[in-house]
Amino acid sequence: MEKDGKSHPLLLNIINGTLKFLSSGSYAIIYIYANELFPTNVRNTGMGICSMVARIGAIIGTYSNDNLV
């Protein structure tokens, strides 16, 4: 923030875009890692559970973001 209370929208958009890009990259790595983590006979079940937990965390994260700021 500047001294007069105005923010820099371009800078905030660049930071936001960069963080979204890095976040989506980490999800791609998580899916590759989880695929190699589970044995072949339980891979689909393990991936389904990991995906479910990640989606629940994303849902809860949107609500908890208001509490952090």
PDB file of N, CA and C in Angstrom:
ATOM      1  N   MET A   1       0.832  -1.193   0.000  1.00  0.00           N
ATOM      2  CA  MET A   1       0.000   0.000   0.000  1.00  0.00           C
ATOM      3  C   MET A   1       0.869   1.248   0.000  1.00  0.00           C
ATOM      4  N   GLU A   2       0.380   2.221  -0.685  1.00  0.00           N
ATOM      5  CA  GLU A   2       1.061   3.510  -0.683  1.00  0.00           C
ATOM      6  C   GLU A   2       0.628   4.309   0.535  1.00  0.00           C
ATOM      7  N   LYS A   3       1.261   5.445   0.733  1.00  0.00           N
ATOM      8  CA  LYS A   3       0.944   6.259   1.904  1.00  0.00           C
ATOM      9  C   LYS A   3      -0.462   6.835   1.844  1.00  0.00           C
ATOM     10  N   ASP A   4      -0.988   7.046   0.625  1.00  0.00           N
ATOM     11  CA  ASP A   4      -2.330   7.619   0.523  1.00  0.00           C
ATOM     12  C   ASP A   4      -3.423   6.549   0.563  1.00  0.00           C
ATOM     13  N   GLY A   5      -3.065   5.294   0.774  1.00  0.00           N
ATOM     14  CA  GLY A   5      -4.052   4.235   0.932  1.00  0.00           C
ATOM     15  C   GLY A   5      -4.415   3.511  -0.348  1.00  0.00           C
ATOM     16  N   LYS A   6      -3.825   3.872  -1.486  1.00  0.00           N
ATOM     17  CA  LYS A   6      -4.118   3.203  -2.745  1.00  0.00           C
ATOM     18  C   LYS A   6      -3.182   2.011  -2.915  1.00  0.00           C
ATOM     19  N   SER A   7      -3.700   0.970  -3.547  1.00  0.00           N
ATOM     20  CA  SER A   7      -2.872  -0.200  -3.799  1.00  0.00           C
ATOM     21  C   SER A   7      -2.434  -0.213  -5.261  1.00  0.00           C
ATOM     22  N   HIS A   8      -1.571  -1.122  -5.590  1.00  0.00           N
ATOM     23  CA  HIS A   8      -1.075  -1.282  -6.953  1.00  0.00           C
ATOM     24  C   HIS A   8      -1.791  -2.474  -7.585  1.00  0.00           C
ATOM     25  N   PRO A   9      -2.855  -2.259  -8.366  1.00  0.00           N
ATOM     26  CA  PRO A   9      -3.612  -3.385  -8.904  1.00  0.00           C
ATOM     27  C   PRO A   9      -2.806  -4.244  -9.878  1.00  0.00           C
ATOM     28  N   LEU A  10      -1.923  -3.656 -10.658  1.00  0.00           N
ATOM     29  CA  LEU A  10      -1.125  -4.451 -11.594  1.00  0.00           C
ATOM     30  C   LEU A  10      -0.183  -5.380 -10.841  1.00  0.00           C
ATOM     31  N   LEU A  11       0.466  -4.870  -9.822  1.00  0.00           N
ATOM     32  CA  LEU A  11       1.369  -5.695  -9.028  1.00  0.00           C
ATOM     33  C   LEU A  11       0.607  -6.817  -8.330  1.00  0.00           C
ATOM     34  N   LEU A  12      -0.557  -6.508  -7.791  1.00  0.00           N
ATOM     35  CA  LEU A  12      -1.365  -7.538  -7.131  1.00  0.00           C
ATOM     36  C   LEU A  12      -1.819  -8.602  -8.121  1.00  0.00           C
ATOM     37  N   ASN A  13      -2.172  -8.211  -9.341  1.00  0.00           N
ATOM     38  CA  ASN A  13      -2.575  -9.181 -10.361  1.00  0.00           C
ATOM     39  C   ASN A  13      -1.409 -10.066 -10.778  1.00  0.00           C
ATOM     40  N   ILE A  14      -0.227  -9.503 -10.884  1.00  0.00           N
ATOM     41  CA  ILE A  14       0.947 -10.298 -11.243  1.00  0.00           C
ATOM     42  C   ILE A  14       1.271 -11.304 -10.143  1.00  0.00           C
ATOM     43  N   ILE A  15       1.234 -10.862  -8.905  1.00  0.00           N
ATOM     44  CA  ILE A  15       1.503 -11.770  -7.781  1.00  0.00           C
ATOM     45  C   ILE A  15       0.438 -12.857  -7.706  1.00  0.00           C
ATOM     46  N   ASN A  16      -0.822 -12.486  -7.873  1.00  0.00           N
ATOM     47  CA  ASN A  16      -1.914 -13.452  -7.825  1.00  0.00           C
ATOM     48  C   ASN A  16      -1.781 -14.481  -8.941  1.00  0.00           C
ATOM     49  N   GLY A  17      -1.484 -14.038 -10.151  1.00  0.00           N
ATOM     50  CA  GLY A  17      -1.316 -14.962 -11.270  1.00  0.00           C
ATOM     51  C   GLY A  17      -0.152 -15.910 -11.067  1.00  0.00           C
ATOM     52  N   THR A  18       0.939 -15.397 -10.529  1.00  0.00           N
ATOM     53  CA  THR A  18       2.102 -16.237 -10.259  1.00  0.00           C
ATOM     54  C   THR A  18       1.781 -17.296  -9.214  1.00  0.00           C
ATOM     55  N   LEU A  19       1.098 -16.912  -8.165  1.00  0.00           N
ATOM     56  CA  LEU A  19       0.746 -17.874  -7.120  1.00  0.00           C
ATOM     57  C   LEU A  19      -0.225 -18.934  -7.629  1.00  0.00           C
ATOM     58  N   LYS A  20      -1.170 -18.548  -8.471  1.00  0.00           N
ATOM     59  CA  LYS A  20      -2.090 -19.530  -9.052  1.00  0.00           C
ATOM     60  C   LYS A  20      -1.346 -20.506  -9.955  1.00  0.00           C
ATOM     61  N   PHE A  21      -0.390 -19.999 -10.729  1.00  0.00           N
ATOM     62  CA  PHE A  21       0.404 -20.855 -11.599  1.00  0.00           C
ATOM     63  C   PHE A  21       1.209 -21.860 -10.777  1.00  0.00           C
ATOM     64  N   LEU A  22       1.852 -21.404  -9.721  1.00  0.00           N
ATOM     65  CA  LEU A  22       2.640 -22.293  -8.877  1.00  0.00           C
ATOM     66  C   LEU A  22       1.762 -23.300  -8.150  1.00  0.00           C
ATOM     67  N   SER A  23       0.572 -22.883  -7.750  1.00  0.00           N
ATOM     68  CA  SER A  23      -0.351 -23.787  -7.074  1.00  0.00           C
ATOM     69  C   SER A  23      -0.813 -24.899  -8.004  1.00  0.00           C
ATOM     70  N   SER A  24      -1.144 -24.568  -9.231  1.00  0.00           N
ATOM     71  CA  SER A  24      -1.581 -25.604 -10.168  1.00  0.00           C
ATOM     72  C   SER A  24      -0.424 -26.530 -10.522  1.00  0.00           C
ATOM     73  N   GLY A  25       0.780 -26.013 -10.557  1.00  0.00           N
ATOM     74  CA  GLY A  25       1.939 -26.863 -10.799  1.00  0.00           C
ATOM     75  C   GLY A  25       2.166 -27.849  -9.670  1.00  0.00           C
ATOM     76  N   SER A  26       1.942 -27.415  -8.453  1.00  0.00           N
ATOM     77  CA  SER A  26       2.121 -28.322  -7.319  1.00  0.00           C
ATOM     78  C   SER A  26       1.067 -29.425  -7.318  1.00  0.00           C
ATOM     79  N   TYR A  27      -0.147 -29.126  -7.768  1.00  0.00           N
ATOM     80  CA  TYR A  27      -1.162 -30.175  -7.869  1.00  0.00           C
ATOM     81  C   TYR A  27      -0.771 -31.211  -8.913  1.00  0.00           C
ATOM     82  N   ALA A  28      -0.177 -30.790 -10.009  1.00  0.00           N
ATOM     83  CA  ALA A  28       0.279 -31.747 -11.019  1.00  0.00           C
ATOM     84  C   ALA A  28       1.349 -32.666 -10.442  1.00  0.00           C
ATOM     85  N   ILE A  29       2.251 -32.114  -9.660  1.00  0.00           N
ATOM     86  CA  ILE A  29       3.302 -32.923  -9.042  1.00  0.00           C
ATOM     87  C   ILE A  29       2.707 -33.880  -8.019  1.00  0.00           C
ATOM     88  N   ILE A  30       1.703 -33.427  -7.279  1.00  0.00           N
ATOM     89  CA  ILE A  30       1.061 -34.289  -6.285  1.00  0.00           C
ATOM     90  C   ILE A  30       0.418 -35.498  -6.949  1.00  0.00           C
ATOM     91  N   TYR A  31      -0.255 -35.292  -8.080  1.00  0.00           N
ATOM     92  CA  TYR A  31      -0.898 -36.409  -8.772  1.00  0.00           C
ATOM     93  C   TYR A  31       0.138 -37.395  -9.310  1.00  0.00           C
ATOM     94  N   ILE A  32       1.251 -36.914  -9.797  1.00  0.00           N
ATOM     95  CA  ILE A  32       2.298 -37.817 -10.278  1.00  0.00           C
ATOM     96  C   ILE A  32       2.910 -38.582  -9.107  1.00  0.00           C
ATOM     97  N   TYR A  33       3.181 -37.900  -8.010  1.00  0.00           N
ATOM     98  CA  TYR A  33       3.792 -38.545  -6.848  1.00  0.00           C
ATOM     99  C   TYR A  33       2.851 -39.579  -6.236  1.00  0.00           C
ATOM    100  N   ALA A  34       1.575 -39.236  -6.109  1.00  0.00           N
ATOM    101  CA  ALA A  34       0.619 -40.172  -5.513  1.00  0.00           C
ATOM    102  C   ALA A  34       0.439 -41.404  -6.391  1.00  0.00           C
ATOM    103  N   ASN A  35       0.541 -41.250  -7.695  1.00  0.00           N
ATOM    104  CA  ASN A  35       0.452 -42.397  -8.591  1.00  0.00           C
ATOM    105  C   ASN A  35       1.577 -43.384  -8.333  1.00  0.00           C
ATOM    106  N   GLU A  36       2.761 -42.890  -8.066  1.00  0.00           N
ATOM    107  CA  GLU A  36       3.905 -43.760  -7.813  1.00  0.00           C
ATOM    108  C   GLU A  36       3.922 -44.279  -6.378  1.00  0.00           C
ATOM    109  N   LEU A  37       3.205 -43.635  -5.493  1.00  0.00           N
ATOM    110  CA  LEU A  37       3.223 -43.999  -4.083  1.00  0.00           C
ATOM    111  C   LEU A  37       2.447 -45.286  -3.811  1.00  0.00           C
ATOM    112  N   PHE A  38       1.312 -45.452  -4.473  1.00  0.00           N
ATOM    113  CA  PHE A  38       0.428 -46.579  -4.197  1.00  0.00           C
ATOM    114  C   PHE A  38       0.778 -47.775  -5.071  1.00  0.00           C
ATOM    115  N   PRO A  39       0.597 -48.996  -4.519  1.00  0.00           N
ATOM    116  CA  PRO A  39       0.785 -50.188  -5.350  1.00  0.00           C
ATOM    117  C   PRO A  39      -0.282 -50.250  -6.451  1.00  0.00           C
ATOM    118  N   THR A  40      -0.023 -51.034  -7.470  1.00  0.00           N
ATOM    119  CA  THR A  40      -0.892 -51.072  -8.641  1.00  0.00           C
ATOM    120  C   THR A  40      -2.314 -51.495  -8.296  1.00  0.00           C
ATOM    121  N   ASN A  41      -2.496 -52.452  -7.404  1.00  0.00           N
ATOM    122  CA  ASN A  41      -3.836 -52.976  -7.138  1.00  0.00           C
ATOM    123  C   ASN A  41      -4.721 -52.017  -6.344  1.00  0.00           C
ATOM    124  N   VAL A  42      -4.176 -51.005  -5.691  1.00  0.00           N
ATOM    125  CA  VAL A  42      -5.000 -50.034  -4.958  1.00  0.00           C
ATOM    126  C   VAL A  42      -4.792 -48.604  -5.457  1.00  0.00           C
ATOM    127  N   ARG A  43      -4.203 -48.460  -6.624  1.00  0.00           N
ATOM    128  CA  ARG A  43      -3.847 -47.129  -7.125  1.00  0.00           C
ATOM    129  C   ARG A  43      -5.076 -46.262  -7.368  1.00  0.00           C
ATOM    130  N   ASN A  44      -6.124 -46.809  -7.979  1.00  0.00           N
ATOM    131  CA  ASN A  44      -7.321 -46.003  -8.260  1.00  0.00           C
ATOM    132  C   ASN A  44      -8.014 -45.559  -6.982  1.00  0.00           C
ATOM    133  N   THR A  45      -8.104 -46.450  -6.007  1.00  0.00           N
ATOM    134  CA  THR A  45      -8.732 -46.088  -4.739  1.00  0.00           C
ATOM    135  C   THR A  45      -7.904 -45.034  -4.008  1.00  0.00           C
ATOM    136  N   GLY A  46      -6.607 -45.217  -3.978  1.00  0.00           N
ATOM    137  CA  GLY A  46      -5.734 -44.247  -3.318  1.00  0.00           C
ATOM    138  C   GLY A  46      -5.782 -42.884  -3.979  1.00  0.00           C
ATOM    139  N   MET A  47      -5.777 -42.859  -5.303  1.00  0.00           N
ATOM    140  CA  MET A  47      -5.856 -41.583  -6.022  1.00  0.00           C
ATOM    141  C   MET A  47      -7.204 -40.915  -5.788  1.00  0.00           C
ATOM    142  N   GLY A  48      -8.271 -41.709  -5.732  1.00  0.00           N
ATOM    143  CA  GLY A  48      -9.595 -41.147  -5.467  1.00  0.00           C
ATOM    144  C   GLY A  48      -9.676 -40.515  -4.089  1.00  0.00           C
ATOM    145  N   ILE A  49      -9.116 -41.179  -3.104  1.00  0.00           N
ATOM    146  CA  ILE A  49      -9.127 -40.638  -1.742  1.00  0.00           C
ATOM    147  C   ILE A  49      -8.271 -39.376  -1.659  1.00  0.00           C
ATOM    148  N   CYS A  50      -7.105 -39.388  -2.292  1.00  0.00           N
ATOM    149  CA  CYS A  50      -6.248 -38.191  -2.288  1.00  0.00           C
ATOM    150  C   CYS A  50      -6.941 -37.020  -2.974  1.00  0.00           C
ATOM    151  N   SER A  51      -7.615 -37.295  -4.084  1.00  0.00           N
ATOM    152  CA  SER A  51      -8.321 -36.232  -4.799  1.00  0.00           C
ATOM    153  C   SER A  51      -9.470 -35.685  -3.960  1.00  0.00           C
ATOM    154  N   MET A  52     -10.185 -36.573  -3.278  1.00  0.00           N
ATOM    155  CA  MET A  52     -11.306 -36.151  -2.447  1.00  0.00           C
ATOM    156  C   MET A  52     -10.821 -35.256  -1.295  1.00  0.00           C
ATOM    157  N   VAL A  53      -9.751 -35.660  -0.636  1.00  0.00           N
ATOM    158  CA  VAL A  53      -9.223 -34.874   0.476  1.00  0.00           C
ATOM    159  C   VAL A  53      -8.714 -33.517  -0.014  1.00  0.00           C
ATOM    160  N   ALA A  54      -8.081 -33.492  -1.187  1.00  0.00           N
ATOM    161  CA  ALA A  54      -7.586 -32.227  -1.736  1.00  0.00           C
ATOM    162  C   ALA A  54      -8.736 -31.288  -2.069  1.00  0.00           C
ATOM    163  N   ARG A  55      -9.814 -31.824  -2.611  1.00  0.00           N
ATOM    164  CA  ARG A  55     -10.962 -30.977  -2.955  1.00  0.00           C
ATOM    165  C   ARG A  55     -11.668 -30.462  -1.703  1.00  0.00           C
ATOM    166  N   ILE A  56     -11.768 -31.298  -0.681  1.00  0.00           N
ATOM    167  CA  ILE A  56     -12.364 -30.843   0.578  1.00  0.00           C
ATOM    168  C   ILE A  56     -11.497 -29.746   1.193  1.00  0.00           C
ATOM    169  N   GLY A  57     -10.183 -29.917   1.139  1.00  0.00           N
ATOM    170  CA  GLY A  57      -9.281 -28.884   1.644  1.00  0.00           C
ATOM    171  C   GLY A  57      -9.410 -27.582   0.878  1.00  0.00           C
ATOM    172  N   ALA A  58      -9.617 -27.675  -0.436  1.00  0.00           N
ATOM    173  CA  ALA A  58      -9.798 -26.461  -1.239  1.00  0.00           C
ATOM    174  C   ALA A  58     -11.099 -25.756  -0.878  1.00  0.00           C
ATOM    175  N   ILE A  59     -12.136 -26.528  -0.604  1.00  0.00           N
ATOM    176  CA  ILE A  59     -13.422 -25.933  -0.212  1.00  0.00           C
ATOM    177  C   ILE A  59     -13.297 -25.252   1.145  1.00  0.00           C
ATOM    178  N   ILE A  60     -12.696 -25.924   2.101  1.00  0.00           N
ATOM    179  CA  ILE A  60     -12.531 -25.349   3.438  1.00  0.00           C
ATOM    180  C   ILE A  60     -11.601 -24.138   3.388  1.00  0.00           C
ATOM    181  N   GLY A  61     -10.600 -24.192   2.528  1.00  0.00           N
ATOM    182  CA  GLY A  61      -9.653 -23.088   2.411  1.00  0.00           C
ATOM    183  C   GLY A  61     -10.292 -21.792   1.971  1.00  0.00           C
ATOM    184  N   THR A  62     -11.317 -21.862   1.134  1.00  0.00           N
ATOM    185  CA  THR A  62     -11.972 -20.632   0.693  1.00  0.00           C
ATOM    186  C   THR A  62     -12.715 -19.964   1.841  1.00  0.00           C
ATOM    187  N   TYR A  63     -13.231 -20.747   2.765  1.00  0.00           N
ATOM    188  CA  TYR A  63     -13.937 -20.166   3.903  1.00  0.00           C
ATOM    189  C   TYR A  63     -12.971 -19.677   4.979  1.00  0.00           C
ATOM    190  N   SER A  64     -11.855 -20.375   5.151  1.00  0.00           N
ATOM    191  CA  SER A  64     -10.922 -19.970   6.196  1.00  0.00           C
ATOM    192  C   SER A  64     -10.076 -18.773   5.772  1.00  0.00           C
ATOM    193  N   ASN A  65     -10.026 -18.461   4.486  1.00  0.00           N
ATOM    194  CA  ASN A  65      -9.251 -17.316   4.016  1.00  0.00           C
ATOM    195  C   ASN A  65      -9.784 -16.016   4.608  1.00  0.00           C
ATOM    196  N   ASP A  66     -11.096 -15.895   4.774  1.00  0.00           N
ATOM    197  CA  ASP A  66     -11.674 -14.695   5.370  1.00  0.00           C
ATOM    198  C   ASP A  66     -11.245 -14.528   6.824  1.00  0.00           C
ATOM    199  N   ASN A  67     -11.036 -15.629   7.509  1.00  0.00           N
ATOM    200  CA  ASN A  67     -10.634 -15.558   8.910  1.00  0.00           C
ATOM    201  C   ASN A  67      -9.167 -15.167   9.073  1.00  0.00           C
ATOM    202  N   LEU A  68      -8.349 -15.407   8.059  1.00  0.00           N
ATOM    203  CA  LEU A  68      -6.927 -15.096   8.154  1.00  0.00           C
ATOM    204  C   LEU A  68      -6.629 -13.632   7.886  1.00  0.00           C
ATOM    205  N   VAL A  69      -7.453 -13.005   7.073  1.00  0.00           N
ATOM    206  CA  VAL A  69      -7.172 -11.622   6.669  1.00  0.00           C
ATOM    207  C   VAL A  69      -7.756 -10.653   7.649  1.00  0.00           C
TER     208      VAL A  69
END
